[in-house]
Protein backbone atom coordinates (compact mmCIF):
# COMPACT_ATOMS: atom_id res chain seq x y z
CA MET A 1 12.07 -20.55 -4.19
CA ASN A 2 10.52 -23.33 -5.96
CA GLU A 3 10.16 -23.20 -9.76
CA GLN A 4 8.79 -20.51 -11.55
CA ASN A 5 6.44 -20.20 -14.26
CA THR A 6 7.46 -19.83 -17.60
CA PRO A 7 6.62 -16.98 -19.45
CA ARG A 8 4.85 -17.18 -22.31
CA ALA A 9 6.32 -17.26 -25.84
CA ASP A 10 3.58 -13.97 -27.26
CA ALA A 11 4.70 -12.66 -24.03
CA LEU A 12 7.85 -13.21 -24.74
CA ALA A 13 7.68 -11.57 -28.60
CA TRP A 14 7.02 -8.51 -26.14
CA VAL A 15 11.13 -8.26 -26.38
CA THR A 16 11.75 -8.49 -29.75
CA GLY A 17 12.45 -5.61 -32.30
CA SER A 18 10.56 -2.62 -32.24
CA ASP A 19 9.12 -3.99 -28.71
CA ALA A 20 12.02 -3.97 -27.29
CA PRO A 21 12.43 -2.45 -23.67
CA GLU A 22 14.04 0.83 -24.53
CA LYS A 23 16.23 0.77 -20.83
CA SER A 24 17.20 -2.63 -19.95
CA ALA A 25 18.36 -1.64 -16.49
CA LEU A 26 16.33 -0.18 -14.13
CA ASP A 27 16.82 1.03 -10.47
CA LEU A 28 13.65 -0.20 -8.18
CA GLY A 29 13.05 1.31 -4.66
CA PHE A 30 11.18 -0.50 -2.19
CA MET A 31 10.94 -0.05 1.63
CA ALA A 32 11.40 -2.79 4.18
CA LEU A 33 7.69 -4.50 3.96
CA SER A 34 6.20 -7.84 4.16
CA ASP A 35 4.14 -6.28 0.57
CA SER A 36 7.15 -5.60 -1.21
CA ALA A 37 7.25 -9.17 -1.85
CA SER A 38 7.00 -9.12 -5.96
CA LEU A 39 9.48 -6.74 -6.46
CA ILE A 40 11.94 -8.90 -4.80
CA VAL A 41 10.70 -12.15 -6.24
CA ALA A 42 10.66 -10.40 -9.76
CA ALA A 43 14.23 -9.15 -9.22
CA THR A 44 16.16 -11.91 -7.88
CA GLN A 45 14.72 -14.82 -9.47
CA GLY A 46 14.63 -14.80 -12.94
CA PHE A 47 10.96 -13.25 -14.12
CA ALA A 48 13.43 -10.07 -15.39
CA GLN A 49 15.89 -11.37 -17.39
CA PRO A 50 13.13 -13.10 -19.71
CA TYR A 51 12.28 -9.40 -20.63
CA GLY A 52 15.34 -7.62 -21.19
CA LEU A 53 15.15 -6.54 -17.90
CA THR A 54 17.84 -6.53 -15.45
CA LEU A 55 16.10 -4.64 -12.31
CA ASN A 56 18.36 -3.31 -9.15
CA LEU A 57 16.58 -3.39 -5.95
CA GLN A 58 17.30 0.23 -3.98
CA ARG A 59 16.08 -0.20 -0.30
CA GLN A 60 14.76 3.32 0.97
CA ALA A 61 14.89 4.32 4.57
CA SER A 62 10.81 6.17 4.55
CA TRP A 63 8.59 6.86 1.69
CA ALA A 64 9.68 11.12 1.63
CA THR A 65 13.15 9.77 0.83
CA LEU A 66 11.94 6.88 -2.22
CA ARG A 67 9.67 9.66 -3.42
CA ASP A 68 12.13 11.93 -3.77
CA LYS A 69 14.69 9.84 -5.48
CA LEU A 70 11.98 8.37 -8.12
CA LEU A 71 11.22 12.61 -8.74
CA SER A 72 14.64 12.93 -8.93
CA GLY A 73 15.19 10.39 -11.75
CA GLU A 74 17.78 8.23 -9.16
CA LEU A 75 15.05 5.92 -8.55
CA ASP A 76 13.51 4.08 -12.53
CA ALA A 77 10.43 2.83 -10.19
CA ALA A 78 8.95 2.20 -7.02
CA GLN A 79 6.75 0.53 -4.78
CA MET A 80 4.55 3.36 -4.03
CA LEU A 81 1.47 3.83 -1.38
CA TYR A 82 -1.58 4.44 -3.16
CA GLY A 83 -2.26 8.02 -1.82
CA GLN A 84 1.28 8.74 -2.29
CA VAL A 85 1.27 8.45 -6.18
CA TYR A 86 -2.01 10.21 -6.00
CA GLY A 87 -0.60 13.18 -3.42
CA ILE A 88 2.76 13.92 -5.13
CA HIS A 89 0.08 14.17 -8.38
CA LEU A 90 -2.22 16.32 -6.37
CA GLY A 91 1.05 18.49 -5.41
CA LEU A 92 -0.37 17.69 -1.82
CA SER A 93 3.20 16.37 -0.83
CA GLY A 94 6.17 18.86 -2.71
CA PRO A 95 5.25 20.15 -6.34
CA ALA A 96 2.46 18.73 -8.20
CA THR A 97 4.21 15.78 -10.55
CA ASP A 98 2.47 13.99 -13.28
CA MET A 99 2.49 10.23 -12.09
CA ALA A 100 1.56 6.76 -13.42
CA ILE A 101 0.58 3.55 -11.98
CA LEU A 102 1.11 0.52 -13.72
CA MET A 103 -0.48 -1.67 -11.74
CA GLY A 104 -1.32 -3.25 -8.01
CA LEU A 105 1.16 -5.00 -5.83
CA CYS A 106 -1.11 -6.15 -2.78
CA GLN A 107 -4.32 -6.03 -0.91
CA ASN A 108 -4.56 -6.45 2.70
CA GLY A 109 -2.19 -6.75 5.52
CA GLN A 110 -1.72 -3.37 7.14
CA ALA A 111 -2.49 -3.31 10.51
CA ILE A 112 -3.09 -0.46 13.72
CA ASN A 113 -1.34 -1.15 17.01
CA LEU A 114 -1.74 -0.27 20.41
CA SER A 115 1.21 0.45 22.63
CA GLU A 116 1.67 -2.33 25.89
CA PRO A 117 1.04 0.91 28.32
CA LEU A 118 -2.25 0.88 27.26
CA LYS A 119 -2.36 -3.15 26.88
CA GLN A 120 -1.92 -2.77 30.55
CA ALA A 121 -4.22 0.37 31.34
CA GLY A 122 -6.98 -2.37 29.64
CA VAL A 123 -6.86 -0.41 26.67
CA THR A 124 -7.93 -3.20 24.84
CA SER A 125 -10.71 -2.93 22.02
CA ALA A 126 -12.33 0.18 20.40
CA GLU A 127 -14.70 1.02 22.98
CA ALA A 128 -11.93 1.70 25.58
CA LEU A 129 -9.81 3.82 23.48
CA VAL A 130 -12.51 6.34 23.04
CA ALA A 131 -13.38 6.00 26.38
CA ARG A 132 -9.48 7.28 26.87
CA VAL A 133 -9.95 10.00 24.42
CA ARG A 134 -12.39 11.43 25.93
CA GLN A 135 -10.93 11.71 29.33
CA ALA A 136 -9.40 14.97 29.91
CA GLY A 137 -5.19 15.22 29.83
CA ALA A 138 -3.12 14.46 27.41
CA LYS A 139 -3.52 13.77 23.88
CA LEU A 140 -2.92 9.98 22.43
CA THR A 141 -0.47 10.20 20.01
CA PHE A 142 -0.52 8.02 16.81
CA ALA A 143 1.86 7.54 13.88
CA GLN A 144 1.06 6.46 10.18
CA THR A 145 3.64 6.44 7.32
CA PHE A 146 2.80 9.32 5.23
CA PRO A 147 0.66 11.99 5.13
CA CYS A 148 -1.40 11.11 2.37
CA GLY A 149 -0.14 7.59 2.14
CA THR A 150 -2.68 4.46 2.74
CA HIS A 151 -1.67 4.20 6.21
CA ALA A 152 -2.63 7.57 7.37
CA MET A 153 -6.20 6.33 5.58
CA TRP A 154 -6.63 4.01 6.77
CA LEU A 155 -5.84 5.39 10.50
CA TYR A 156 -8.66 7.82 9.62
CA TYR A 157 -10.95 6.05 8.35
CA TRP A 158 -10.83 3.91 11.43
CA LEU A 159 -10.87 6.21 14.23
CA ALA A 160 -13.65 8.35 12.80
CA SER A 161 -15.63 4.83 12.41
CA GLN A 162 -15.29 5.09 16.09
CA GLY A 163 -16.49 8.52 16.87
CA ILE A 164 -12.56 10.02 17.36
CA HIS A 165 -11.70 13.01 14.72
CA PRO A 166 -8.43 12.31 13.39
CA LEU A 167 -6.99 15.54 13.46
CA GLU A 168 -9.15 16.48 16.54
CA ASP A 169 -9.03 14.16 19.12
CA VAL A 170 -5.59 12.68 18.66
CA ASN A 171 -2.00 13.46 17.52
CA THR A 172 -0.59 11.97 14.26
CA VAL A 173 3.01 11.85 13.69
CA VAL A 174 4.96 10.19 10.14
CA VAL A 175 7.44 7.59 11.37
CA PRO A 176 9.05 5.06 8.97
CA PRO A 177 7.30 1.82 8.98
CA SER A 178 10.61 -0.19 10.52
CA GLN A 179 10.68 2.65 13.19
CA MET A 180 7.45 1.86 14.32
CA VAL A 181 8.23 -0.73 16.98
CA ALA A 182 11.44 1.43 18.15
CA HIS A 183 8.99 4.24 18.31
CA LEU A 184 6.27 2.33 20.62
CA LYS A 185 8.98 0.81 22.89
CA ALA A 186 10.52 4.66 23.75
CA ALA A 187 7.00 5.47 24.83
CA ARG A 188 7.20 8.57 21.76
CA ILE A 189 4.14 7.39 20.34
CA ASP A 190 0.70 5.63 21.50
CA GLY A 191 0.05 3.36 18.36
CA PHE A 192 0.85 3.51 14.71
CA CYS A 193 -1.09 2.34 11.43
CA ALA A 194 1.61 0.38 9.46
CA GLY A 195 2.33 -2.42 6.82
CA GLY A 196 3.60 -6.10 7.81
CA PRO A 197 5.82 -6.82 9.16
CA TRP A 198 5.86 -4.63 12.14
CA GLY A 199 2.90 -4.86 13.73
CA ALA A 200 3.78 -8.01 14.14
CA LEU A 201 6.72 -7.82 15.41
CA ALA A 202 5.15 -5.45 18.67
CA VAL A 203 3.60 -7.93 19.11
CA GLU A 204 6.27 -10.96 19.52
CA GLU A 205 8.39 -8.26 21.41
CA GLU A 206 5.82 -7.35 23.72
CA GLN A 207 6.02 -4.18 22.49
CA GLY A 208 1.91 -3.44 21.93
CA PHE A 209 -1.05 -5.36 20.10
CA THR A 210 -3.02 -5.27 17.14
CA LEU A 211 -6.07 -3.64 17.45
CA ALA A 212 -7.74 -3.88 13.89
CA THR A 213 -6.61 -5.23 10.57
CA SER A 214 -6.59 -2.85 7.42
CA GLN A 215 -8.76 -5.71 5.87
CA MET A 216 -11.05 -4.85 8.54
CA ILE A 217 -11.61 -1.93 7.13
CA TRP A 218 -12.02 -2.75 3.69
CA ALA A 219 -12.05 -6.25 2.84
CA ASP A 220 -9.39 -6.13 0.04
CA HIS A 221 -8.07 -2.81 0.14
CA PRO A 222 -6.44 -1.17 -2.63
CA GLU A 223 -2.50 -1.03 -0.82
CA LYS A 224 0.71 -0.77 -2.63
CA VAL A 225 0.75 -0.32 -6.45
CA LEU A 226 4.41 0.23 -9.05
CA GLY A 227 4.56 3.47 -9.84
CA VAL A 228 6.46 5.80 -12.55
CA THR A 229 6.60 9.06 -13.64
CA ARG A 230 4.39 10.12 -16.38
CA GLU A 231 7.22 11.10 -18.19
CA PHE A 232 9.24 7.79 -17.84
CA VAL A 233 6.26 5.64 -19.23
CA GLU A 234 6.11 8.49 -22.13
CA GLN A 235 10.02 7.89 -22.61
CA TYR A 236 9.72 4.58 -22.09
CA PRO A 237 6.88 2.85 -22.67
CA ASN A 238 8.25 -0.50 -23.62
CA THR A 239 10.47 -0.53 -20.42
CA SER A 240 6.96 0.14 -18.85
CA ARG A 241 5.14 -2.50 -20.26
CA ALA A 242 8.21 -5.13 -19.71
CA LEU A 243 8.19 -4.21 -16.06
CA THR A 244 4.73 -4.14 -15.58
CA MET A 245 4.90 -8.57 -17.37
CA ALA A 246 7.83 -9.51 -14.97
CA VAL A 247 5.99 -8.07 -11.84
CA LEU A 248 2.96 -9.38 -13.09
CA GLU A 249 5.01 -13.78 -12.88
CA ALA A 250 6.00 -12.59 -9.95
CA SER A 251 2.87 -11.71 -8.50
CA ARG A 252 0.99 -14.71 -9.95
CA PHE A 253 3.87 -16.93 -8.99
CA ILE A 254 3.64 -15.68 -4.96
CA ASP A 255 0.00 -16.79 -4.91
CA GLN A 256 0.35 -19.84 -6.45
CA ASN A 257 0.33 -21.90 -3.68
CA GLU A 258 1.50 -21.85 -0.12
CA ALA A 259 5.02 -23.20 -0.59
CA ASN A 260 5.71 -20.41 -3.06
CA LYS A 261 4.18 -18.48 -0.14
CA ARG A 262 6.63 -19.39 2.65
CA SER A 263 9.57 -19.62 0.11
CA THR A 264 8.92 -15.84 -0.23
CA ALA A 265 8.99 -15.74 2.99
CA GLN A 266 12.00 -16.84 3.20
CA LEU A 267 13.54 -14.51 0.70
CA ILE A 268 11.90 -11.35 1.70
CA SER A 269 13.31 -11.73 5.46
CA GLY A 270 16.88 -11.51 4.16
CA SER A 271 19.24 -8.70 5.39
CA ASP A 272 19.20 -7.07 2.02
CA TYR A 273 15.20 -6.61 1.78
CA VAL A 274 12.76 -6.52 4.89
CA ASP A 275 15.35 -7.62 7.31
CA ALA A 276 13.23 -8.48 9.86
CA PRO A 277 12.54 -11.83 11.83
CA LEU A 278 10.98 -14.90 9.49
CA SER A 279 9.01 -15.53 13.02
CA ALA A 280 7.77 -11.84 12.36
CA ILE A 281 7.11 -11.98 8.24
CA GLN A 282 5.63 -16.04 7.51
CA PRO A 283 2.41 -15.76 9.61
CA ARG A 284 0.67 -12.95 8.77
CA PHE A 285 1.99 -13.21 4.93
CA LEU A 286 -0.33 -16.88 5.31
CA GLY A 287 -2.83 -15.39 6.88
CA GLN A 288 -2.23 -16.78 10.31
CA TYR A 289 -2.88 -14.05 12.68
CA GLN A 290 -2.33 -13.33 16.30
CA ASP A 291 -3.06 -9.79 18.10
CA GLY A 292 -1.35 -9.95 21.56
CA LEU A 293 -4.45 -10.45 23.38
CA GLY A 294 -4.23 -14.16 23.03
CA ASN A 295 -6.91 -14.33 19.86
CA ALA A 296 -5.88 -16.27 16.81
CA TRP A 297 -7.76 -16.78 13.81
CA LEU A 298 -7.17 -17.80 10.18
CA ASP A 299 -7.85 -14.21 7.73
CA PRO A 300 -10.36 -14.39 5.42
CA ASN A 301 -8.52 -11.91 3.29
CA PRO A 302 -4.71 -12.12 4.07
CA LEU A 303 -2.06 -9.88 2.25
CA ARG A 304 -2.39 -11.45 -1.68
CA PHE A 305 -0.53 -10.18 -4.11
CA PHE A 306 -2.32 -11.42 -7.36
CA ALA A 307 -5.63 -13.35 -6.77
CA ASP A 308 -6.83 -14.23 -10.77
CA GLY A 309 -5.28 -10.44 -11.42
CA GLN A 310 -7.77 -8.98 -9.08
CA VAL A 311 -4.62 -7.36 -7.06
CA THR A 312 -2.68 -6.45 -9.92
CA MET A 313 -6.09 -4.75 -12.06
CA PRO A 314 -5.36 -0.95 -11.62
CA TRP A 315 -8.90 -0.03 -10.80
CA LEU A 316 -10.15 3.35 -11.19
CA SER A 317 -12.42 3.29 -8.87
CA ASP A 318 -9.00 2.81 -6.01
CA GLY A 319 -7.17 5.63 -6.68
CA ILE A 320 -10.63 7.73 -6.96
CA TRP A 321 -11.60 6.53 -2.76
CA PHE A 322 -8.63 8.47 -1.64
CA MET A 323 -9.17 11.03 -3.25
CA THR A 324 -12.42 10.87 -1.83
CA GLN A 325 -10.33 10.81 1.78
CA PHE A 326 -8.13 14.02 1.24
CA ARG A 327 -11.54 16.13 0.36
CA ARG A 328 -12.86 14.70 2.84
CA TRP A 329 -9.57 15.59 5.82
CA GLY A 330 -9.16 18.43 3.97
CA LEU A 331 -6.04 18.47 1.83
CA LEU A 332 -8.64 18.73 -1.48
CA LYS A 333 -9.67 22.00 -0.85
CA ASP A 334 -11.76 21.30 -3.79
CA ASP A 335 -13.79 18.34 -5.93
CA PRO A 336 -10.92 17.15 -8.18
CA ASN A 337 -12.59 15.37 -11.58
CA TYR A 338 -12.28 12.24 -9.73
CA LEU A 339 -12.61 10.81 -12.98
CA ALA A 340 -10.28 12.58 -15.49
CA VAL A 341 -7.34 12.54 -12.44
CA ALA A 342 -7.76 8.64 -12.01
CA GLN A 343 -7.77 8.01 -16.43
CA ARG A 344 -4.62 10.34 -16.30
CA ILE A 345 -2.85 8.41 -13.64
CA HIS A 346 -3.81 4.84 -14.00
CA GLN A 347 -2.17 3.06 -17.12
CA LEU A 348 -4.89 1.00 -18.40
CA ASP A 349 -3.94 0.34 -22.02
CA LEU A 350 -0.49 -0.55 -21.03
CA TYR A 351 -1.41 -2.86 -18.44
CA ARG A 352 -4.23 -4.26 -20.71
CA ASP A 353 -1.49 -5.34 -22.91
CA ALA A 354 0.59 -6.71 -20.69
CA ALA A 355 -1.98 -9.07 -18.65
CA SER A 356 -2.90 -10.55 -21.72
CA ALA A 357 -0.06 -11.45 -23.10
CA LEU A 358 0.67 -13.04 -20.12
CA GLY A 359 -2.83 -14.98 -20.19
CA ILE A 360 -4.37 -12.94 -17.36
CA THR A 361 -8.05 -12.03 -17.71
CA VAL A 362 -8.55 -8.36 -17.67
CA SER A 363 -11.70 -6.75 -16.29
CA ALA A 364 -14.42 -5.30 -18.90
CA SER A 365 -14.91 -2.66 -15.80
CA THR A 366 -12.54 -0.19 -14.34
CA MET A 367 -14.46 -0.30 -11.45
CA ARG A 368 -15.48 -2.46 -8.21
CA SER A 369 -17.76 -1.88 -5.41
CA SER A 370 -17.04 -2.28 -1.46
CA VAL A 371 -18.50 -1.80 1.52
CA LEU A 372 -16.03 -0.78 4.31
CA LEU A 373 -16.55 -1.33 7.98
CA ASP A 374 -19.04 1.53 8.36
CA GLY A 375 -21.58 0.12 6.32
CA THR A 376 -20.69 2.80 3.36
CA ARG A 377 -20.85 1.25 0.07
CA TRP A 378 -18.09 2.24 -2.22
CA ASP A 379 -18.44 2.08 -6.28
CA GLY A 380 -16.57 5.00 -7.65
CA SER A 381 -20.16 6.70 -9.03
CA ASP A 382 -20.29 9.82 -7.24
CA PRO A 383 -17.53 10.22 -5.81
CA ALA A 384 -18.33 14.27 -4.00
CA GLY A 385 -21.41 12.75 -2.91
CA TYR A 386 -19.16 10.23 -1.14
CA ALA A 387 -16.62 12.39 0.21
CA ASN A 388 -18.96 15.00 1.51
CA SER A 389 -21.66 12.17 3.09
CA PHE A 390 -19.06 11.55 6.23
CA THR A 391 -20.53 13.61 9.88
CA ILE A 392 -16.87 13.19 10.72
CA ARG A 393 -14.52 15.16 8.25
CA THR A 394 -12.80 18.07 7.94
CA PRO A 395 -14.82 21.40 8.45
CA ARG A 396 -15.36 23.18 4.61
CA ASP A 397 -14.49 26.28 5.95
CA ASN A 398 -11.10 24.82 8.06
CA ILE A 399 -8.97 23.50 5.86
CA ALA A 400 -4.68 24.50 6.04
CA PRO A 401 -2.44 23.61 4.26
CA LEU A 402 -0.88 19.38 4.33
CA ALA A 403 2.21 19.29 6.53
CA LEU A 404 4.92 17.72 4.17
C-alpha cells in the first residue's frame, strides 16, 4: 500500500485520558464485496492503531449471518446495507433492535445482471426484458441479497421504472452476493442485483451481462454504512468515535488518488477478504466498465468511499428514502415518523466530532437532493407523499408480512 495520511494531532488527542476507547479490540464484520475496502484498509494498514484500536476482521457468509452475529454481540460493528440497518431497527427482519449508523462507507458500484441464456435469446435491453416478462409462461427469477437491503430496493425500483411490478410480474429470491455467479451458472436465477465484484465476474466468466448499474438508478446513491447497535454506542461512545475516525481516514486514503485505489483493489482481492480475481475487482473499482454486450465506458459516478466527506456523511435523507421504499412495497403498514426514526439511528453528533477532528468539512444540512432515473426528485421533505406518489407499488389493502 502507499504511504498513508498522518493522523492529525487534534484527532489523536481523543485517545488519551477520559476520551480513550472503552474497548480497544473490536470484531468487525464484513462481506466479500469490493465496497468493504475501507474497513479492510482501516484494519490492516495502520489506520486504527493511532486511535487505540485493534480491528479484527470477520468475513461473513451472508447478510443474515452478519445481522445475527451483530445482534448477539459476537460482532461489535459491521459493514451493513443501509436498508438492512433500518429493517432491523423497525423490526422488519427479526425482532426490532435499536440500531445506529456511525458513517457512510460508500456510494454507487452495484449492478443488475442478466443471464447468458437471456442474452442469447436477445433479451439485452430494458425493452426486451419487458417484452419477455409480458410473455405467457414461467416467471423470471431475480436474486437480491437481503429482503429489505439496498439490492432489493435497487432491483425493485429499476424494474418498476420499466413498468414491471417486482412483486407480481417476476419472482425474487435471496442469495448471498458471493454466490450469485454460481446460481446464474446453475440456471437457478435469471438475473441478480448485487455489489462488486460479482457483476463483473459474471461478465468475465461469460455467465451474463450487466443491464444496469445502481448509479444509473440514482447517481451517488447511499449504499453501505458502518453499523452498530445503539446499545454499543451508548456503552462505548469513545470507541465508536475512534472507530469512525479510523475508517474515515482509510476512506480518505482510498479516494486520494488512482495509485491508492489500485493498491487497495490488490489488497482486497486476497483470499482472506473478497477472494476474487483482481481482473474482476480493479476495473470497476476505477470506474472502468464493460457490460458483456460489447460496450465499455468510464463511469462518471463510480464506486467511491470519501469524495471530500460527501460519501461518509450520514445524511438523514438517505435513510429516510429507504423507509419510503419499505412503505411503497408494503413492508411498513403505516407511515412511520420518518424524520424521528432517522434522527435516532444516525449518530450525527458523533460523526461531526470525528470528522471535524480530522479536518473534514461537514455539511450544515442533514438532507441532500437527487433526481432518480424516473425523473422523481428526492430531498427528504415529504416522505409520506413521496412513498404514496408511485404508480407501481403494493396496494395499501394488500400488505403482507416480510418473509425472513
